[in-house]
Protein backbone atom coordinates (compact mmCIF):
# COMPACT_ATOMS: atom_id res chain seq x y z
CA MET A 1 -12.88 20.29 -9.11
CA GLY A 2 -11.06 20.94 -12.39
CA ASP A 3 -10.71 24.12 -14.45
CA GLY A 4 -10.89 22.51 -17.88
CA MET A 5 -7.69 22.22 -19.92
CA THR A 6 -6.94 25.95 -19.62
CA ASN A 7 -3.19 26.34 -19.15
CA ARG A 8 -2.81 22.64 -18.31
CA ILE A 9 -0.53 21.86 -21.30
CA GLY A 10 1.95 24.71 -21.27
CA HIS A 11 4.66 23.11 -23.42
CA ALA A 12 4.06 23.93 -27.08
CA GLY A 13 5.69 20.78 -28.44
CA LEU A 14 3.71 18.46 -26.17
CA ALA A 15 0.49 20.35 -26.87
CA GLY A 16 1.01 19.32 -30.48
CA ARG A 17 1.00 15.65 -29.49
CA ARG A 18 -2.52 15.67 -28.11
CA MET A 19 -4.69 12.80 -29.25
CA SER A 20 -7.71 10.82 -28.14
CA ALA A 21 -7.45 8.07 -25.56
CA GLU A 22 -8.41 5.57 -28.27
CA ASP A 23 -5.56 6.66 -30.54
CA ALA A 24 -3.12 6.66 -27.65
CA ALA A 25 -4.21 3.17 -26.62
CA GLY A 26 -3.58 2.10 -30.21
CA LEU A 27 0.13 2.69 -29.59
CA ILE A 28 0.18 -0.15 -27.04
CA GLN A 29 0.81 -3.45 -28.78
CA PRO A 30 0.30 -7.07 -27.63
CA GLY A 31 3.04 -8.35 -25.35
CA MET A 32 4.24 -4.92 -24.29
CA THR A 33 5.35 -4.19 -20.76
CA VAL A 34 3.44 -1.09 -19.67
CA GLY A 35 4.19 0.98 -16.58
CA MET A 36 1.06 2.68 -15.26
CA SER A 37 0.81 5.43 -12.66
CA GLY A 38 -1.41 4.97 -9.63
CA PHE A 39 -1.18 4.18 -5.95
CA THR A 40 -4.13 3.07 -3.76
CA GLY A 41 -6.80 4.46 -6.05
CA ALA A 42 -5.12 7.83 -6.62
CA GLY A 43 -3.28 9.29 -9.59
CA TYR A 44 -3.94 6.47 -12.08
CA PRO A 45 -4.63 7.08 -15.81
CA LYS A 46 -8.38 7.07 -16.32
CA LEU A 47 -8.94 7.12 -20.08
CA VAL A 48 -6.19 5.14 -21.80
CA PRO A 49 -6.63 1.85 -19.85
CA PRO A 50 -10.38 1.54 -20.62
CA ALA A 51 -9.66 2.34 -24.28
CA LEU A 52 -6.94 -0.31 -24.27
CA ALA A 53 -9.34 -2.81 -22.69
CA LYS A 54 -11.79 -2.23 -25.54
CA ARG A 55 -9.02 -2.92 -28.08
CA ILE A 56 -8.10 -6.10 -26.25
CA ALA A 57 -11.71 -7.30 -26.06
CA ALA A 58 -12.19 -6.64 -29.78
CA ALA A 59 -9.00 -8.56 -30.58
CA HIS A 60 -10.20 -11.51 -28.53
CA GLU A 61 -13.52 -11.48 -30.35
CA ARG A 62 -11.57 -11.79 -33.60
CA GLY A 63 -9.68 -14.73 -32.14
CA ASP A 64 -6.43 -12.80 -31.77
CA GLU A 65 -4.21 -12.99 -28.69
CA PHE A 66 -3.70 -9.71 -26.88
CA GLY A 67 -2.26 -9.36 -23.42
CA VAL A 68 0.06 -6.86 -21.77
CA ARG A 69 2.33 -6.89 -18.76
CA VAL A 70 1.19 -4.25 -16.28
CA LEU A 71 3.54 -2.70 -13.72
CA THR A 72 2.28 -0.03 -11.32
CA GLY A 73 3.26 1.64 -8.07
CA ALA A 74 0.52 -0.14 -6.12
CA SER A 75 -3.23 -0.69 -6.52
CA THR A 76 -5.21 1.38 -8.99
CA ALA A 77 -8.97 1.46 -9.64
CA PRO A 78 -11.72 -0.24 -11.69
CA GLU A 79 -10.93 1.93 -14.72
CA LEU A 80 -7.47 0.35 -14.89
CA ASP A 81 -7.13 -3.03 -13.20
CA GLY A 82 -10.83 -3.82 -13.44
CA GLU A 83 -11.28 -2.96 -17.11
CA LEU A 84 -8.13 -4.75 -18.23
CA ALA A 85 -8.90 -7.82 -16.10
CA ARG A 86 -12.44 -8.14 -17.41
CA ALA A 87 -11.08 -7.95 -20.95
CA GLY A 88 -8.65 -10.77 -20.17
CA GLY A 89 -5.81 -8.47 -21.11
CA VAL A 90 -3.36 -8.77 -18.19
CA ALA A 91 -0.74 -11.41 -18.88
CA PHE A 92 1.37 -10.36 -15.90
CA ARG A 93 0.75 -7.99 -12.99
CA MET A 94 3.15 -6.46 -10.45
CA PRO A 95 3.39 -5.42 -7.55
CA TYR A 96 0.09 -4.83 -5.67
CA GLN A 97 -3.58 -4.84 -6.61
CA SER A 98 -6.92 -4.63 -4.86
CA ASP A 99 -9.45 -4.96 -7.67
CA PRO A 100 -11.88 -7.91 -7.34
CA ASP A 101 -11.77 -8.72 -11.05
CA MET A 102 -7.98 -8.59 -11.11
CA ARG A 103 -7.88 -10.78 -8.01
CA LYS A 104 -10.21 -13.28 -9.70
CA CYS A 105 -7.92 -13.48 -12.74
CA ILE A 106 -4.88 -14.03 -10.55
CA ASN A 107 -6.43 -16.69 -8.34
CA GLY A 108 -8.03 -18.34 -11.35
CA GLY A 109 -4.66 -18.68 -13.04
CA GLU A 110 -5.53 -16.39 -15.95
CA SER A 111 -2.97 -13.71 -14.99
CA GLU A 112 0.50 -14.24 -13.57
CA TYR A 113 1.15 -12.09 -10.52
CA MET A 114 4.30 -11.17 -8.63
CA ASP A 115 3.91 -9.68 -5.17
CA VAL A 116 6.81 -7.34 -4.41
CA HIS A 117 7.85 -5.09 -1.52
CA LEU A 118 6.99 -1.60 -2.74
CA SER A 119 10.45 -0.24 -1.97
CA HIS A 120 11.87 -2.90 -4.32
CA VAL A 121 9.66 -2.17 -7.33
CA ALA A 122 11.58 0.63 -9.07
CA PRO A 123 15.06 -0.75 -8.23
CA GLN A 124 14.09 -4.16 -9.65
CA VAL A 125 12.80 -2.57 -12.84
CA TYR A 126 16.04 -0.60 -13.20
CA ALA A 127 17.95 -3.84 -12.67
CA GLY A 128 16.12 -5.36 -15.65
CA ASN A 129 14.27 -8.07 -13.71
CA TYR A 130 11.14 -7.54 -15.84
CA GLY A 131 12.79 -6.83 -19.15
CA LYS A 132 12.52 -3.46 -20.83
CA MET A 133 9.53 -1.19 -20.27
CA ASP A 134 7.97 -0.47 -23.63
CA MET A 135 5.47 2.19 -22.58
CA ALA A 136 4.62 4.31 -19.54
CA VAL A 137 1.15 5.80 -19.06
CA ILE A 138 1.30 8.49 -16.42
CA GLU A 139 -1.32 10.89 -15.03
CA VAL A 140 -0.17 14.42 -14.19
CA THR A 141 -1.93 17.56 -13.10
CA ALA A 142 -0.30 19.87 -15.65
CA ILE A 143 2.63 20.21 -18.05
CA LEU A 144 4.63 23.40 -17.57
CA PRO A 145 6.18 25.46 -20.40
CA ASP A 146 9.62 23.95 -19.72
CA GLY A 147 8.24 20.41 -19.87
CA GLY A 148 8.22 19.82 -16.15
CA MET A 149 5.09 18.04 -14.96
CA VAL A 150 3.06 18.76 -11.84
CA PRO A 151 2.39 15.34 -10.30
CA SER A 152 -1.09 14.17 -9.40
CA THR A 153 -2.47 12.79 -6.13
CA ALA A 154 0.06 9.96 -6.13
CA VAL A 155 3.74 9.78 -7.02
CA GLY A 156 4.41 6.06 -6.62
CA THR A 157 6.90 4.93 -9.27
CA ASN A 158 6.15 7.70 -11.77
CA GLU A 159 9.62 9.24 -11.79
CA ALA A 160 11.13 5.82 -12.50
CA TRP A 161 8.64 4.87 -15.22
CA LEU A 162 9.21 8.16 -17.03
CA ASP A 163 12.94 7.49 -16.91
CA VAL A 164 13.08 3.84 -18.00
CA ALA A 165 10.21 3.55 -20.49
CA ASP A 166 11.01 3.60 -24.21
CA LYS A 167 7.88 5.66 -24.90
CA VAL A 168 5.51 7.69 -22.74
CA ILE A 169 1.82 8.59 -22.82
CA ILE A 170 0.81 11.45 -20.55
CA GLU A 171 -2.75 11.92 -19.27
CA VAL A 172 -3.23 15.51 -18.14
CA ASN A 173 -6.13 15.50 -15.70
CA ALA A 174 -7.84 18.87 -15.27
CA ASN A 175 -9.88 17.40 -12.42
CA GLN A 176 -6.81 17.41 -10.20
CA PRO A 177 -6.38 20.82 -8.51
CA MET A 178 -3.53 23.04 -9.67
CA ASP A 179 -2.94 23.83 -5.99
CA LEU A 180 -1.22 20.45 -5.78
CA GLU A 181 1.78 22.21 -7.30
CA GLY A 182 4.46 22.46 -4.65
CA MET A 183 3.27 19.52 -2.53
CA HIS A 184 5.60 16.96 -4.13
CA ASP A 185 9.28 16.22 -3.59
CA ILE A 186 10.72 14.18 -6.46
CA TYR A 187 14.08 12.62 -5.68
CA PHE A 188 15.70 9.75 -7.62
CA THR A 189 17.03 6.79 -5.66
CA SER A 190 16.43 3.73 -7.79
CA ARG A 191 19.18 3.69 -10.40
CA PRO A 192 21.62 0.76 -10.15
CA PRO A 193 24.31 0.72 -7.42
CA PRO A 194 26.45 2.27 -6.17
CA ARG A 195 24.06 4.92 -4.89
CA ASP A 196 24.56 8.02 -2.80
CA PRO A 197 22.96 8.18 0.65
CA ILE A 198 19.53 9.81 0.65
CA PRO A 199 20.03 13.22 2.32
CA LEU A 200 16.79 13.16 4.30
CA ARG A 201 17.26 13.58 8.05
CA HIS A 202 13.81 14.69 9.21
CA THR A 203 10.29 13.80 8.11
CA GLY A 204 9.63 17.27 6.71
CA ASP A 205 12.84 17.66 4.71
CA ARG A 206 12.55 18.43 1.02
CA ILE A 207 15.46 17.02 -0.96
CA GLY A 208 14.25 17.03 -4.57
CA GLU A 209 12.06 19.23 -6.74
CA PRO A 210 8.27 19.57 -7.05
CA TYR A 211 8.08 18.29 -10.64
CA LEU A 212 8.35 15.13 -12.70
CA ARG A 213 10.65 15.26 -15.71
CA CYS A 214 11.54 13.01 -18.63
CA ASP A 215 13.13 13.06 -22.06
CA LEU A 216 10.32 14.82 -23.93
CA SER A 217 11.25 13.12 -27.20
CA LYS A 218 9.85 9.89 -25.67
CA VAL A 219 6.36 11.38 -25.20
CA VAL A 220 4.27 9.96 -28.03
CA ALA A 221 0.83 11.12 -26.86
CA VAL A 222 -0.81 13.60 -24.52
CA VAL A 223 -4.38 12.79 -23.56
CA GLU A 224 -6.71 15.31 -21.96
CA CYS A 225 -8.77 14.06 -19.04
CA ASP A 226 -11.21 15.57 -16.55
CA LEU A 227 -12.19 12.77 -14.17
CA PRO A 228 -11.84 12.36 -10.40
CA ASP A 229 -9.94 9.62 -8.60
CA ARG A 230 -12.16 6.68 -7.64
CA MET A 231 -12.03 6.71 -3.84
CA SER A 232 -13.99 4.48 -1.47
CA SER A 233 -15.70 5.56 1.74
CA PHE A 234 -14.43 4.18 5.03
CA THR A 235 -16.84 2.48 7.37
CA PRO A 236 -17.09 4.31 10.71
CA ALA A 237 -15.04 2.63 13.41
CA ASP A 238 -17.02 -0.09 15.18
CA GLU A 239 -16.55 -1.23 18.76
CA THR A 240 -14.03 -3.88 17.74
CA SER A 241 -11.85 -1.31 15.96
CA LYS A 242 -12.11 1.05 18.91
CA ARG A 243 -11.05 -1.68 21.34
CA ILE A 244 -8.04 -2.53 19.18
CA ALA A 245 -7.10 1.14 18.99
CA GLY A 246 -7.51 1.53 22.73
CA HIS A 247 -5.11 -1.32 23.49
CA LEU A 248 -2.48 0.12 21.16
CA ILE A 249 -2.82 3.68 22.44
CA ASP A 250 -2.50 2.45 26.04
CA PHE A 251 0.65 0.60 25.02
CA LEU A 252 2.17 3.71 23.44
CA HIS A 253 1.44 5.70 26.60
CA HIS A 254 3.18 2.97 28.59
CA GLU A 255 6.22 3.12 26.30
CA VAL A 256 6.44 6.88 26.83
CA LYS A 257 6.14 6.41 30.60
CA MET A 258 8.92 3.82 30.54
CA GLY A 259 11.17 6.17 28.59
CA ARG A 260 11.33 4.01 25.47
CA LEU A 261 9.49 6.57 23.35
CA PRO A 262 9.51 10.39 23.47
CA GLU A 263 6.30 12.22 24.37
CA ASN A 264 5.65 13.04 20.70
CA LEU A 265 6.44 9.42 19.80
CA LEU A 266 8.44 8.79 16.62
CA PRO A 267 7.33 9.14 12.98
CA ILE A 268 4.19 7.03 12.57
CA GLN A 269 3.31 4.77 9.67
CA SER A 270 -0.20 3.47 9.28
CA GLY A 271 -1.73 1.06 6.80
CA VAL A 272 -5.08 1.61 5.11
CA GLY A 273 -8.43 0.67 6.59
CA ASN A 274 -10.98 1.25 9.30
CA ILE A 275 -8.83 -0.09 12.14
CA ALA A 276 -5.95 2.15 11.04
CA ASN A 277 -8.27 5.16 11.04
CA ALA A 278 -9.47 4.22 14.53
CA VAL A 279 -5.88 4.03 15.78
CA LEU A 280 -5.10 7.42 14.27
CA ALA A 281 -8.18 8.93 15.91
CA GLY A 282 -7.04 7.38 19.18
CA LEU A 283 -3.75 9.26 19.00
CA LYS A 284 -5.59 12.56 19.21
CA GLU A 285 -8.05 11.35 21.83
CA GLY A 286 -5.12 9.96 23.83
CA GLY A 287 -3.58 13.40 24.17
CA PHE A 288 -0.58 12.95 21.87
CA SER A 289 0.62 16.08 20.08
CA ASN A 290 3.41 17.44 17.88
CA LEU A 291 3.50 14.15 15.96
CA THR A 292 5.00 13.45 12.56
CA ALA A 293 4.15 10.78 10.00
CA PHE A 294 6.49 8.99 7.59
CA THR A 295 4.19 6.63 5.75
CA GLU A 296 3.18 5.48 2.28
CA VAL A 297 -0.47 6.60 2.13
CA LEU A 298 -2.32 9.43 3.76
CA GLN A 299 -5.90 8.49 4.59
CA ASP A 300 -8.76 10.24 6.37
CA GLY A 301 -7.56 9.62 9.92
CA LEU A 302 -4.15 11.08 9.23
CA LEU A 303 -5.62 13.99 7.26
CA GLU A 304 -7.72 14.84 10.31
CA LEU A 305 -4.65 14.80 12.54
CA VAL A 306 -2.80 17.08 10.12
CA GLY A 307 -5.73 19.47 9.81
CA GLY A 308 -6.22 19.62 13.56
CA GLY A 309 -2.54 20.21 14.29
CA THR A 310 -1.88 16.91 16.09
CA VAL A 311 0.49 15.96 13.23
CA THR A 312 2.79 18.79 12.20
CA VAL A 313 4.06 17.23 8.97
CA ALA A 314 3.16 14.09 7.04
CA SER A 315 5.32 12.45 4.37
CA ALA A 316 3.72 9.89 2.01
CA THR A 317 3.64 8.81 -1.62
CA ALA A 318 -0.12 9.05 -2.21
CA LEU A 319 -3.43 10.28 -0.91
CA SER A 320 -5.93 7.54 -0.06
CA LEU A 321 -8.99 9.50 0.96
CA SER A 322 -12.71 8.82 1.08
CA PRO A 323 -14.99 11.15 -0.89
CA GLU A 324 -15.53 13.02 2.37
CA GLY A 325 -11.79 13.22 2.88
CA VAL A 326 -11.29 14.51 -0.66
CA LYS A 327 -13.77 17.32 -0.01
CA GLU A 328 -11.98 18.27 3.21
CA PHE A 329 -8.64 18.20 1.42
CA LEU A 330 -9.87 20.42 -1.43
CA ASP A 331 -11.65 22.85 0.88
CA ASN A 332 -8.41 23.42 2.83
CA ILE A 333 -5.78 22.52 0.27
CA MET A 334 -3.55 25.51 1.01
CA LEU A 335 -3.27 24.39 4.64
CA TYR A 336 -2.49 20.81 3.69
CA ARG A 337 -0.04 21.76 0.95
CA ASP A 338 2.28 23.21 3.57
CA LYS A 339 2.11 20.17 5.85
CA ILE A 340 1.98 17.21 3.43
CA ILE A 341 4.86 16.04 1.24
CA LEU A 342 4.25 13.46 -1.49
CA ARG A 343 7.41 11.55 -2.51
CA PRO A 344 8.32 8.63 -4.79
CA GLN A 345 7.63 5.31 -3.09
CA ALA A 346 11.32 4.46 -3.43
CA VAL A 347 11.80 7.21 -0.82
CA SER A 348 8.61 6.91 1.26
CA ASN A 349 9.22 3.16 1.69
CA HIS A 350 13.00 3.15 1.76
CA PRO A 351 14.27 0.68 4.40
CA GLU A 352 17.26 2.77 5.42
CA LEU A 353 15.13 5.86 6.00
CA ILE A 354 12.52 3.90 7.94
CA ARG A 355 15.19 2.51 10.23
CA ARG A 356 17.13 5.77 10.61
CA LEU A 357 14.03 7.86 11.33
CA GLY A 358 12.80 5.22 13.79
CA CYS A 359 9.26 4.75 12.51
CA ILE A 360 6.42 3.21 14.50
CA ALA A 361 4.76 0.84 12.03
CA MET A 362 1.08 -0.08 12.41
CA ASN A 363 -0.32 -2.52 9.85
CA GLY A 364 -3.18 -4.98 9.48
CA LEU A 365 -3.00 -8.72 8.99
CA VAL A 366 -5.03 -11.70 7.80
CA GLU A 367 -3.77 -14.01 10.51
CA ALA A 368 -0.94 -14.38 13.01
CA ASP A 369 0.28 -17.60 14.52
CA ILE A 370 1.13 -18.28 18.13
CA TYR A 371 4.83 -17.62 17.51
CA GLY A 372 4.33 -14.22 15.92
CA ASN A 373 4.57 -15.02 12.22
CA VAL A 374 2.14 -12.94 10.16
CA ASN A 375 0.20 -13.61 6.99
CA SER A 376 -1.05 -10.38 5.45
CA THR A 377 -1.82 -11.49 1.90
CA HIS A 378 -3.44 -14.92 1.50
CA VAL A 379 -6.60 -16.80 2.41
CA ALA A 380 -5.96 -20.45 3.31
CA GLY A 381 -2.45 -20.25 1.92
CA SER A 382 -3.33 -20.22 -1.78
CA SER A 383 -5.63 -17.33 -2.69
CA VAL A 384 -4.05 -13.89 -2.70
CA ILE A 385 -6.12 -10.95 -1.50
CA ASN A 386 -4.17 -7.81 -2.44
CA GLY A 387 -0.46 -8.17 -1.77
CA ILE A 388 2.17 -7.27 0.77
CA GLY A 389 2.32 -3.63 -0.32
CA GLY A 390 4.64 -1.61 1.86
CA SER A 391 3.96 -3.44 5.10
CA GLY A 392 7.17 -5.44 4.80
CA ASP A 393 9.27 -2.35 4.13
CA PHE A 394 8.10 -0.88 7.42
CA THR A 395 7.76 -4.05 9.50
CA ARG A 396 11.32 -5.25 9.06
CA ASN A 397 12.89 -1.82 9.50
CA ALA A 398 10.70 0.05 11.98
CA TYR A 399 11.74 0.94 15.51
CA LEU A 400 8.49 -0.65 16.62
CA SER A 401 6.47 -3.01 14.37
CA CYS A 402 2.82 -3.42 15.37
CA PHE A 403 0.12 -5.55 13.74
CA VAL A 404 -3.59 -5.03 14.41
CA THR A 405 -6.56 -7.30 13.68
CA PRO A 406 -9.90 -8.43 15.04
CA SER A 407 -9.46 -11.73 16.88
CA THR A 408 -11.99 -13.45 14.58
CA ALA A 409 -13.45 -13.08 11.09
CA LYS A 410 -16.47 -14.39 9.17
CA ASN A 411 -18.79 -14.05 12.17
CA GLY A 412 -16.46 -16.05 14.35
CA ASP A 413 -15.89 -18.94 11.95
CA ILE A 414 -12.27 -17.91 11.43
CA SER A 415 -9.73 -17.34 14.18
CA CYS A 416 -7.18 -14.70 13.24
CA ILE A 417 -4.79 -16.35 15.71
CA VAL A 418 -3.84 -19.83 14.49
CA PRO A 419 -1.28 -22.52 15.35
CA MET A 420 0.69 -21.88 12.15
CA VAL A 421 -0.02 -19.29 9.48
CA SER A 422 -0.89 -20.72 6.07
CA HIS A 423 1.37 -18.19 4.33
CA VAL A 424 4.24 -16.14 5.79
CA ASP A 425 4.77 -12.51 4.84
CA HIS A 426 6.38 -11.24 8.04
CA THR A 427 8.41 -13.59 10.15
CA GLU A 428 8.46 -13.75 13.94
CA HIS A 429 11.82 -11.96 13.82
CA ASP A 430 10.23 -8.75 12.56
CA VAL A 431 7.01 -8.54 14.57
CA SER A 432 7.15 -6.58 17.83
CA VAL A 433 3.51 -6.30 18.88
CA VAL A 434 0.26 -8.08 18.00
CA VAL A 435 -3.02 -6.36 18.93
CA THR A 436 -6.57 -7.66 18.72
CA ASP A 437 -9.84 -6.61 20.31
CA GLN A 438 -8.98 -9.05 23.11
CA GLY A 439 -5.69 -7.41 24.07
CA LEU A 440 -2.06 -6.82 23.19
CA ALA A 441 0.97 -9.11 23.15
CA ASP A 442 4.37 -7.41 23.40
CA LEU A 443 6.69 -9.98 21.83
CA ARG A 444 9.95 -8.11 22.28
CA GLY A 445 12.60 -10.02 24.15
CA LEU A 446 10.59 -13.25 24.30
CA SER A 447 11.55 -16.75 23.21
CA PRO A 448 9.16 -18.62 20.89
CA LYS A 449 7.36 -20.45 23.70
CA GLN A 450 7.06 -17.23 25.70
CA ARG A 451 5.62 -15.50 22.64
CA ALA A 452 3.10 -18.31 22.19
CA ARG A 453 1.82 -17.95 25.73
CA ALA A 454 1.53 -14.15 25.35
CA VAL A 455 -0.31 -14.34 22.02
CA ILE A 456 -2.74 -17.04 23.15
CA SER A 457 -3.60 -15.45 26.48
CA ASN A 458 -3.78 -11.83 25.28
CA CYS A 459 -4.90 -11.91 21.64
CA ALA A 460 -6.95 -15.04 20.94
CA HIS A 461 -10.73 -14.96 21.09
CA PRO A 462 -12.16 -16.88 24.09
CA SER A 463 -13.94 -19.31 21.76
CA TYR A 464 -10.60 -20.36 20.27
CA ARG A 465 -8.27 -19.89 23.23
CA PRO A 466 -8.81 -23.38 24.71
CA MET A 467 -8.13 -24.95 21.30
CA LEU A 468 -4.88 -23.02 20.99
CA GLU A 469 -3.84 -23.86 24.54
CA ASP A 470 -4.53 -27.54 23.87
CA TYR A 471 -2.50 -27.45 20.65
CA PHE A 472 0.42 -25.68 22.31
CA ASP A 473 0.42 -27.92 25.39
CA ARG A 474 0.43 -31.09 23.28
CA ALA A 475 3.12 -29.67 21.00
CA CYS A 476 5.31 -28.88 24.02
CA ARG A 477 4.88 -32.44 25.29
CA THR A 478 5.25 -34.44 22.10
CA SER A 479 7.17 -32.35 19.55
CA LYS A 480 10.69 -33.61 19.03
CA GLY A 481 12.01 -30.05 19.02
CA LYS A 482 11.31 -28.00 22.15
CA HIS A 483 12.39 -24.61 20.83
CA THR A 484 9.39 -23.91 18.57
CA PRO A 485 7.03 -26.82 19.28
CA HIS A 486 4.64 -27.77 16.49
CA LEU A 487 2.42 -30.70 15.63
CA LEU A 488 3.14 -30.75 11.91
CA ALA A 489 0.32 -33.17 11.13
CA GLU A 490 -2.26 -30.67 12.38
CA ALA A 491 -0.48 -27.28 12.27
CA THR A 492 -2.66 -26.11 9.36
CA SER A 493 -5.62 -28.36 10.06
CA TRP A 494 -7.66 -25.35 11.15
CA HIS A 495 -7.47 -23.96 7.61
CA GLN A 496 -8.43 -27.29 6.09
CA ARG A 497 -11.36 -27.56 8.48
CA PHE A 498 -12.54 -24.13 7.38
CA LEU A 499 -12.29 -25.12 3.71
CA ASP A 500 -14.20 -28.34 4.41
CA THR A 501 -16.87 -27.09 6.78
CA GLY A 502 -16.88 -23.29 6.64
CA SER A 503 -15.60 -22.94 10.19
CA MET A 504 -12.31 -23.40 12.05
CA LYS A 505 -14.17 -24.53 15.18
CA SER A 506 -13.77 -28.21 15.99
């Protein structure tokens, strides 16, 4: 994929600051706050974090304390989160992660973790909520003679980290194709208020420049790298995913027929995963055309729609492709470079843009309750899975906010529709549509009790539907409040029963 380091470090001064990953990692001291590049397994530094993890492990063997505070754009990969977590080197982590070892440290209480809306990350750092950023470690594709940097396969918070960090380490990755140059649109939005309106009116507008820039005097090391992003394969859509997609596609057709959506819909946003890919495939199979996407990640399903012409332009902050998707992207990169725009996440996830463009948001969940509240981050209320990511940015501000999920999990031992969610990420006020393999509940314009009846009858699995109906009926009869009836003594008893017995079934 790469062409070696030939012409990758074009700035003479920065070329003179080349050093090994081990020496660069030696510049990171205990207690530092370090901003790392990376977003959903793309564009993360691949050499410095493992070298840092080795330093941390060696320090611990000597009996010395060594931990760092790690801020990123979103999730990274085993070479970053995994290595540092296994070394016990992450004192604090923000805002989103998906690594099993990092998750274990967080849920085990070894690492403090703050889950943050992705649109809030850079503004909160600029506001000083996390103290000063001592070091940024950023992957780029190349450094140009004037010091401008060609971004990698993710932008995330890179422009902000380069701006706010006291010192900067740059990893120049020759494995990233030089044909990425021109795909990015770097526009600053995150500096403290007052701020100017973002001059983006259409999904395909370019309002910035294709390069990252920073004060070059802050760059203390340039590390040469030639390694690919660590991407995971997607499981082919199963019948459950296809049924979920079918319900949602039918609903979108109905909305067009009723005149509430145009024939080419509105800019679509899709979360990551097999159900999301199935929904995206359903858009093409359903006959939709001339679509646009304003989203945070571009995965295989969306890449296929772009390549096939169903989507004319896609705006995102990162690629999140399977190995097969990466091959397709590289084989036809000149086609995709003209139709894909990679922006900072402060733009791709900006609430005002999402609302003004009128996005259709489609995200996954862990569980929804009968009133439409959604938990997308926690198991049984206490153990975090990954984080809220950008789902809240889109859910609260989208023209249409849809959540998709199988009706059950763990071979039917968990109902994804429950009386009361064990953790709330998205309130009933922000959720328009809930879709499972059983059906679809359109919650717009409904009171709480009307929503409950729609969710139970349309979305719950038949093995749990009678239990939910019984709970709701008894709550309506005996709850003191009749607006949102609950039996508080048993509202989360399903979760406790699962923890005690391994099943929510009574």
